[in-house]
Amino acid sequence: MKRLAALVSAALFLLPPTAHADATAAPPIADDPVAMKAIAGRLRQEAADMRRIAADEHAKAQTGCWKKFLVSRCLDQAGQALRDEKLKAANLESRARAIERELKRREIAEKDAQRAEKDAAQADKQ
């Protein structure tokens, strides 16, 4: 059992630091809403570019597959590559949506705070 624990800890030690960070990466949170909107926009644009490039590469791969001996295997691999790229793009879009949700949450909290101040001021007047 100790040997297994030692192997696991050694394997985790040898992993690059980004392997741990990517698994638990949270959307970047900044105090500046304009910067957050820009980040979300860039993520969405990058995802759209990834999807477009993946579709172009898939179309090229499909035409190239018909020149190969194992056509079905080649088509399957091209389809899998397309799905993988679409998944990466979806992850980027998910991060963009998380940033946009955080912005919306902050905006609502700010409006609620302003409304509470206004209600408190009116209550003090009465």
N, C-alpha and C. Protein backbone atom coordinates (compact mmCIF):
# COMPACT_ATOMS: atom_id res chain seq x y z
N MET A 1 0.82 -1.19 0.00
CA MET A 1 0.00 0.00 0.00
C MET A 1 0.86 1.26 0.00
N LYS A 2 1.94 1.24 0.78
CA LYS A 2 2.83 2.38 0.82
C LYS A 2 3.49 2.58 -0.53
N ARG A 3 3.77 1.46 -1.18
CA ARG A 3 4.42 1.53 -2.50
C ARG A 3 3.48 2.20 -3.51
N LEU A 4 2.20 1.84 -3.46
CA LEU A 4 1.22 2.44 -4.36
C LEU A 4 1.11 3.95 -4.10
N ALA A 5 1.08 4.32 -2.84
CA ALA A 5 1.00 5.74 -2.50
C ALA A 5 2.23 6.49 -2.99
N ALA A 6 3.38 5.85 -2.88
CA ALA A 6 4.62 6.48 -3.35
C ALA A 6 4.59 6.65 -4.86
N LEU A 7 4.09 5.64 -5.57
CA LEU A 7 4.01 5.72 -7.03
C LEU A 7 3.04 6.82 -7.47
N VAL A 8 1.91 6.90 -6.80
CA VAL A 8 0.92 7.92 -7.15
C VAL A 8 1.48 9.31 -6.89
N SER A 9 2.12 9.49 -5.74
CA SER A 9 2.68 10.82 -5.45
C SER A 9 3.81 11.17 -6.40
N ALA A 10 4.60 10.17 -6.80
CA ALA A 10 5.67 10.42 -7.77
C ALA A 10 5.08 10.80 -9.12
N ALA A 11 4.01 10.13 -9.52
CA ALA A 11 3.38 10.44 -10.80
C ALA A 11 2.80 11.85 -10.79
N LEU A 12 2.18 12.23 -9.69
CA LEU A 12 1.62 13.58 -9.59
C LEU A 12 2.72 14.63 -9.58
N PHE A 13 3.83 14.31 -8.98
CA PHE A 13 4.96 15.24 -8.93
C PHE A 13 5.54 15.46 -10.32
N LEU A 14 5.52 14.42 -11.15
CA LEU A 14 6.12 14.51 -12.48
C LEU A 14 5.21 15.21 -13.49
N LEU A 15 3.92 15.33 -13.16
CA LEU A 15 3.01 16.01 -14.08
C LEU A 15 3.39 17.48 -14.17
N PRO A 16 3.24 18.07 -15.36
CA PRO A 16 3.51 19.50 -15.47
C PRO A 16 2.49 20.29 -14.65
N PRO A 17 2.88 21.45 -14.15
CA PRO A 17 1.97 22.24 -13.32
C PRO A 17 0.68 22.62 -14.04
N THR A 18 0.72 22.76 -15.36
CA THR A 18 -0.50 23.15 -16.08
C THR A 18 -1.51 22.03 -16.11
N ALA A 19 -1.08 20.79 -15.95
CA ALA A 19 -2.03 19.69 -15.94
C ALA A 19 -2.99 19.82 -14.76
N HIS A 20 -2.48 20.28 -13.62
CA HIS A 20 -3.34 20.48 -12.46
C HIS A 20 -4.20 21.72 -12.65
N ALA A 21 -3.65 22.76 -13.20
CA ALA A 21 -4.36 24.03 -13.34
C ALA A 21 -5.50 23.92 -14.35
N ASP A 22 -5.30 23.19 -15.45
CA ASP A 22 -6.33 23.09 -16.48
C ASP A 22 -7.54 22.33 -15.97
N ALA A 23 -7.33 21.36 -15.11
CA ALA A 23 -8.43 20.55 -14.63
C ALA A 23 -9.37 21.36 -13.74
N THR A 24 -8.83 22.31 -13.01
CA THR A 24 -9.65 23.08 -12.08
C THR A 24 -9.67 24.56 -12.44
N ALA A 25 -9.42 24.87 -13.68
CA ALA A 25 -9.32 26.28 -14.08
C ALA A 25 -10.68 26.95 -13.95
N ALA A 26 -10.70 28.03 -13.23
CA ALA A 26 -11.90 28.84 -13.09
C ALA A 26 -11.78 30.02 -14.04
N PRO A 27 -12.89 30.58 -14.44
CA PRO A 27 -12.80 31.73 -15.33
C PRO A 27 -12.09 32.88 -14.64
N PRO A 28 -11.31 33.62 -15.39
CA PRO A 28 -10.60 34.74 -14.77
C PRO A 28 -11.59 35.79 -14.27
N ILE A 29 -11.40 36.23 -13.06
CA ILE A 29 -12.29 37.21 -12.47
C ILE A 29 -11.50 38.49 -12.25
N ALA A 30 -11.96 39.54 -12.86
CA ALA A 30 -11.30 40.84 -12.72
C ALA A 30 -12.31 41.82 -12.12
N ASP A 31 -11.82 42.89 -11.61
CA ASP A 31 -12.71 43.91 -11.06
C ASP A 31 -13.30 44.80 -12.14
N ASP A 32 -12.67 44.83 -13.29
CA ASP A 32 -13.09 45.70 -14.37
C ASP A 32 -14.07 44.97 -15.29
N PRO A 33 -15.34 45.38 -15.32
CA PRO A 33 -16.32 44.70 -16.18
C PRO A 33 -15.98 44.80 -17.66
N VAL A 34 -15.36 45.89 -18.07
CA VAL A 34 -15.00 46.05 -19.48
C VAL A 34 -13.97 45.00 -19.87
N ALA A 35 -12.99 44.78 -18.99
CA ALA A 35 -11.96 43.77 -19.26
C ALA A 35 -12.57 42.38 -19.30
N MET A 36 -13.52 42.13 -18.39
CA MET A 36 -14.16 40.82 -18.37
C MET A 36 -14.98 40.59 -19.64
N LYS A 37 -15.67 41.63 -20.11
CA LYS A 37 -16.43 41.50 -21.36
C LYS A 37 -15.49 41.25 -22.53
N ALA A 38 -14.34 41.91 -22.51
CA ALA A 38 -13.36 41.70 -23.58
C ALA A 38 -12.82 40.28 -23.56
N ILE A 39 -12.56 39.76 -22.38
CA ILE A 39 -12.07 38.38 -22.26
C ILE A 39 -13.13 37.41 -22.78
N ALA A 40 -14.37 37.62 -22.38
CA ALA A 40 -15.45 36.74 -22.83
C ALA A 40 -15.61 36.81 -24.35
N GLY A 41 -15.51 38.01 -24.90
CA GLY A 41 -15.60 38.17 -26.35
C GLY A 41 -14.47 37.47 -27.07
N ARG A 42 -13.25 37.59 -26.51
CA ARG A 42 -12.10 36.91 -27.13
C ARG A 42 -12.27 35.40 -27.07
N LEU A 43 -12.78 34.89 -25.95
CA LEU A 43 -13.00 33.45 -25.84
C LEU A 43 -14.03 32.97 -26.86
N ARG A 44 -15.10 33.73 -27.01
CA ARG A 44 -16.13 33.36 -28.00
C ARG A 44 -15.57 33.40 -29.42
N GLN A 45 -14.77 34.42 -29.72
CA GLN A 45 -14.17 34.53 -31.05
C GLN A 45 -13.20 33.38 -31.31
N GLU A 46 -12.42 33.06 -30.30
CA GLU A 46 -11.47 31.95 -30.45
C GLU A 46 -12.21 30.63 -30.67
N ALA A 47 -13.32 30.44 -29.96
CA ALA A 47 -14.11 29.23 -30.14
C ALA A 47 -14.70 29.17 -31.55
N ALA A 48 -15.19 30.30 -32.04
CA ALA A 48 -15.75 30.33 -33.40
C ALA A 48 -14.66 30.03 -34.43
N ASP A 49 -13.47 30.59 -34.22
CA ASP A 49 -12.36 30.32 -35.13
C ASP A 49 -11.98 28.84 -35.10
N MET A 50 -11.95 28.26 -33.89
CA MET A 50 -11.62 26.84 -33.77
C MET A 50 -12.63 25.98 -34.52
N ARG A 51 -13.91 26.31 -34.39
CA ARG A 51 -14.94 25.54 -35.08
C ARG A 51 -14.80 25.66 -36.60
N ARG A 52 -14.53 26.88 -37.07
CA ARG A 52 -14.39 27.09 -38.51
C ARG A 52 -13.19 26.33 -39.05
N ILE A 53 -12.06 26.43 -38.37
CA ILE A 53 -10.85 25.73 -38.81
C ILE A 53 -11.06 24.22 -38.77
N ALA A 54 -11.73 23.74 -37.72
CA ALA A 54 -11.98 22.31 -37.61
C ALA A 54 -12.87 21.82 -38.75
N ALA A 55 -13.88 22.61 -39.11
CA ALA A 55 -14.76 22.22 -40.21
C ALA A 55 -14.00 22.20 -41.53
N ASP A 56 -13.14 23.19 -41.74
CA ASP A 56 -12.33 23.22 -42.97
C ASP A 56 -11.39 22.02 -43.04
N GLU A 57 -10.73 21.72 -41.93
CA GLU A 57 -9.81 20.59 -41.90
C GLU A 57 -10.56 19.27 -42.09
N HIS A 58 -11.76 19.20 -41.53
CA HIS A 58 -12.56 17.98 -41.69
C HIS A 58 -12.94 17.77 -43.15
N ALA A 59 -13.34 18.84 -43.81
CA ALA A 59 -13.70 18.73 -45.23
C ALA A 59 -12.50 18.28 -46.06
N LYS A 60 -11.32 18.84 -45.78
CA LYS A 60 -10.11 18.44 -46.50
C LYS A 60 -9.76 16.99 -46.21
N ALA A 61 -9.91 16.59 -44.94
CA ALA A 61 -9.59 15.21 -44.57
C ALA A 61 -10.54 14.23 -45.24
N GLN A 62 -11.80 14.61 -45.35
CA GLN A 62 -12.77 13.72 -46.00
C GLN A 62 -12.41 13.48 -47.46
N THR A 63 -12.04 14.53 -48.16
CA THR A 63 -11.68 14.34 -49.56
C THR A 63 -10.39 13.54 -49.68
N GLY A 64 -9.47 13.73 -48.75
CA GLY A 64 -8.22 12.97 -48.77
C GLY A 64 -8.43 11.51 -48.40
N CYS A 65 -9.45 11.21 -47.63
CA CYS A 65 -9.70 9.83 -47.21
C CYS A 65 -10.05 8.93 -48.38
N TRP A 66 -10.68 9.47 -49.39
CA TRP A 66 -11.10 8.64 -50.51
C TRP A 66 -9.92 8.18 -51.35
N LYS A 67 -8.76 8.75 -51.12
CA LYS A 67 -7.56 8.33 -51.84
C LYS A 67 -6.80 7.25 -51.07
N LYS A 68 -7.24 6.94 -49.86
CA LYS A 68 -6.54 5.97 -49.03
C LYS A 68 -7.18 4.60 -49.13
N PHE A 69 -6.44 3.62 -48.63
CA PHE A 69 -6.91 2.24 -48.68
C PHE A 69 -8.02 2.00 -47.66
N LEU A 70 -7.82 2.43 -46.43
CA LEU A 70 -8.81 2.24 -45.36
C LEU A 70 -9.68 3.50 -45.23
N VAL A 71 -10.63 3.61 -46.14
CA VAL A 71 -11.46 4.81 -46.22
C VAL A 71 -12.28 5.01 -44.95
N SER A 72 -12.94 3.95 -44.50
CA SER A 72 -13.81 4.08 -43.33
C SER A 72 -13.03 4.49 -42.09
N ARG A 73 -11.87 3.91 -41.91
CA ARG A 73 -11.04 4.25 -40.75
C ARG A 73 -10.61 5.72 -40.82
N CYS A 74 -10.22 6.14 -41.99
CA CYS A 74 -9.79 7.53 -42.18
C CYS A 74 -10.95 8.49 -41.90
N LEU A 75 -12.14 8.16 -42.40
CA LEU A 75 -13.31 9.00 -42.16
C LEU A 75 -13.66 9.04 -40.67
N ASP A 76 -13.55 7.90 -40.01
CA ASP A 76 -13.81 7.86 -38.57
C ASP A 76 -12.83 8.73 -37.80
N GLN A 77 -11.56 8.66 -38.18
CA GLN A 77 -10.54 9.47 -37.50
C GLN A 77 -10.78 10.96 -37.75
N ALA A 78 -11.17 11.29 -38.97
CA ALA A 78 -11.45 12.70 -39.29
C ALA A 78 -12.65 13.19 -38.48
N GLY A 79 -13.66 12.34 -38.36
CA GLY A 79 -14.83 12.70 -37.57
C GLY A 79 -14.49 12.87 -36.10
N GLN A 80 -13.64 11.99 -35.58
CA GLN A 80 -13.23 12.09 -34.18
C GLN A 80 -12.43 13.37 -33.95
N ALA A 81 -11.56 13.71 -34.89
CA ALA A 81 -10.79 14.95 -34.76
C ALA A 81 -11.72 16.16 -34.75
N LEU A 82 -12.76 16.13 -35.59
CA LEU A 82 -13.73 17.22 -35.61
C LEU A 82 -14.47 17.32 -34.28
N ARG A 83 -14.90 16.18 -33.73
CA ARG A 83 -15.59 16.18 -32.45
C ARG A 83 -14.69 16.70 -31.32
N ASP A 84 -13.42 16.31 -31.36
CA ASP A 84 -12.48 16.78 -30.34
C ASP A 84 -12.32 18.30 -30.39
N GLU A 85 -12.19 18.84 -31.59
CA GLU A 85 -12.04 20.29 -31.72
C GLU A 85 -13.32 21.02 -31.32
N LYS A 86 -14.47 20.45 -31.64
CA LYS A 86 -15.74 21.06 -31.24
C LYS A 86 -15.87 21.06 -29.72
N LEU A 87 -15.38 20.01 -29.08
CA LEU A 87 -15.42 19.95 -27.62
C LEU A 87 -14.53 21.03 -27.01
N LYS A 88 -13.35 21.23 -27.59
CA LYS A 88 -12.46 22.29 -27.10
C LYS A 88 -13.13 23.66 -27.26
N ALA A 89 -13.78 23.86 -28.40
CA ALA A 89 -14.48 25.13 -28.64
C ALA A 89 -15.63 25.30 -27.65
N ALA A 90 -16.34 24.23 -27.37
CA ALA A 90 -17.44 24.30 -26.42
C ALA A 90 -16.93 24.65 -25.02
N ASN A 91 -15.76 24.14 -24.67
CA ASN A 91 -15.18 24.47 -23.37
C ASN A 91 -14.84 25.96 -23.29
N LEU A 92 -14.33 26.52 -24.38
CA LEU A 92 -14.04 27.96 -24.40
C LEU A 92 -15.33 28.76 -24.27
N GLU A 93 -16.36 28.34 -24.99
CA GLU A 93 -17.65 29.03 -24.90
C GLU A 93 -18.23 28.93 -23.50
N SER A 94 -18.02 27.80 -22.86
CA SER A 94 -18.48 27.63 -21.49
C SER A 94 -17.79 28.60 -20.54
N ARG A 95 -16.49 28.78 -20.73
CA ARG A 95 -15.76 29.75 -19.91
C ARG A 95 -16.28 31.16 -20.16
N ALA A 96 -16.57 31.48 -21.43
CA ALA A 96 -17.10 32.80 -21.76
C ALA A 96 -18.46 33.01 -21.10
N ARG A 97 -19.31 31.99 -21.14
CA ARG A 97 -20.62 32.10 -20.49
C ARG A 97 -20.48 32.27 -18.98
N ALA A 98 -19.50 31.59 -18.38
CA ALA A 98 -19.28 31.73 -16.94
C ALA A 98 -18.88 33.16 -16.59
N ILE A 99 -18.05 33.75 -17.42
CA ILE A 99 -17.64 35.14 -17.19
C ILE A 99 -18.85 36.06 -17.34
N GLU A 100 -19.66 35.83 -18.36
CA GLU A 100 -20.84 36.67 -18.59
C GLU A 100 -21.85 36.51 -17.45
N ARG A 101 -22.00 35.28 -16.93
CA ARG A 101 -22.89 35.08 -15.79
C ARG A 101 -22.40 35.84 -14.57
N GLU A 102 -21.08 35.81 -14.35
CA GLU A 102 -20.50 36.54 -13.22
C GLU A 102 -20.74 38.04 -13.36
N LEU A 103 -20.58 38.55 -14.57
CA LEU A 103 -20.86 39.98 -14.81
C LEU A 103 -22.31 40.31 -14.51
N LYS A 104 -23.21 39.47 -14.97
CA LYS A 104 -24.63 39.70 -14.75
C LYS A 104 -24.96 39.62 -13.26
N ARG A 105 -24.35 38.65 -12.56
CA ARG A 105 -24.58 38.52 -11.13
C ARG A 105 -24.12 39.78 -10.39
N ARG A 106 -22.95 40.29 -10.78
CA ARG A 106 -22.43 41.51 -10.14
C ARG A 106 -23.34 42.71 -10.43
N GLU A 107 -23.83 42.78 -11.66
CA GLU A 107 -24.72 43.89 -12.04
C GLU A 107 -26.00 43.86 -11.22
N ILE A 108 -26.56 42.67 -11.06
CA ILE A 108 -27.79 42.53 -10.28
C ILE A 108 -27.53 42.86 -8.82
N ALA A 109 -26.41 42.40 -8.28
CA ALA A 109 -26.07 42.70 -6.88
C ALA A 109 -25.90 44.20 -6.67
N GLU A 110 -25.30 44.86 -7.63
CA GLU A 110 -25.11 46.31 -7.54
C GLU A 110 -26.45 47.03 -7.57
N LYS A 111 -27.35 46.61 -8.46
CA LYS A 111 -28.67 47.23 -8.53
C LYS A 111 -29.46 46.98 -7.25
N ASP A 112 -29.34 45.76 -6.70
CA ASP A 112 -30.03 45.46 -5.44
C ASP A 112 -29.51 46.34 -4.31
N ALA A 113 -28.20 46.55 -4.28
CA ALA A 113 -27.61 47.40 -3.24
C ALA A 113 -28.09 48.84 -3.39
N GLN A 114 -28.16 49.33 -4.62
CA GLN A 114 -28.65 50.69 -4.85
C GLN A 114 -30.11 50.82 -4.45
N ARG A 115 -30.89 49.79 -4.77
CA ARG A 115 -32.31 49.80 -4.42
C ARG A 115 -32.48 49.78 -2.90
N ALA A 116 -31.65 48.99 -2.22
CA ALA A 116 -31.73 48.93 -0.75
C ALA A 116 -31.35 50.27 -0.13
N GLU A 117 -30.34 50.94 -0.68
CA GLU A 117 -29.95 52.26 -0.18
C GLU A 117 -31.09 53.27 -0.39
N LYS A 118 -31.71 53.19 -1.55
CA LYS A 118 -32.80 54.11 -1.86
C LYS A 118 -33.98 53.86 -0.92
N ASP A 119 -34.31 52.59 -0.69
CA ASP A 119 -35.40 52.26 0.22
C ASP A 119 -35.08 52.70 1.65
N ALA A 120 -33.82 52.54 2.06
CA ALA A 120 -33.42 52.96 3.41
C ALA A 120 -33.50 54.48 3.54
N ALA A 121 -33.11 55.19 2.50
CA ALA A 121 -33.18 56.65 2.53
C ALA A 121 -34.63 57.12 2.61
N GLN A 122 -35.52 56.45 1.88
CA GLN A 122 -36.93 56.83 1.92
C GLN A 122 -37.54 56.49 3.28
N ALA A 123 -37.10 55.39 3.88
CA ALA A 123 -37.61 55.01 5.20
C ALA A 123 -37.15 56.00 6.26
N ASP A 124 -35.93 56.53 6.11
CA ASP A 124 -35.42 57.53 7.06
C ASP A 124 -36.19 58.84 6.96
N LYS A 125 -36.64 59.19 5.77
CA LYS A 125 -37.39 60.43 5.57
C LYS A 125 -38.76 60.36 6.23
N GLN A 126 -39.31 59.18 6.30
CA GLN A 126 -40.66 59.03 6.85
C GLN A 126 -40.57 58.91 8.30
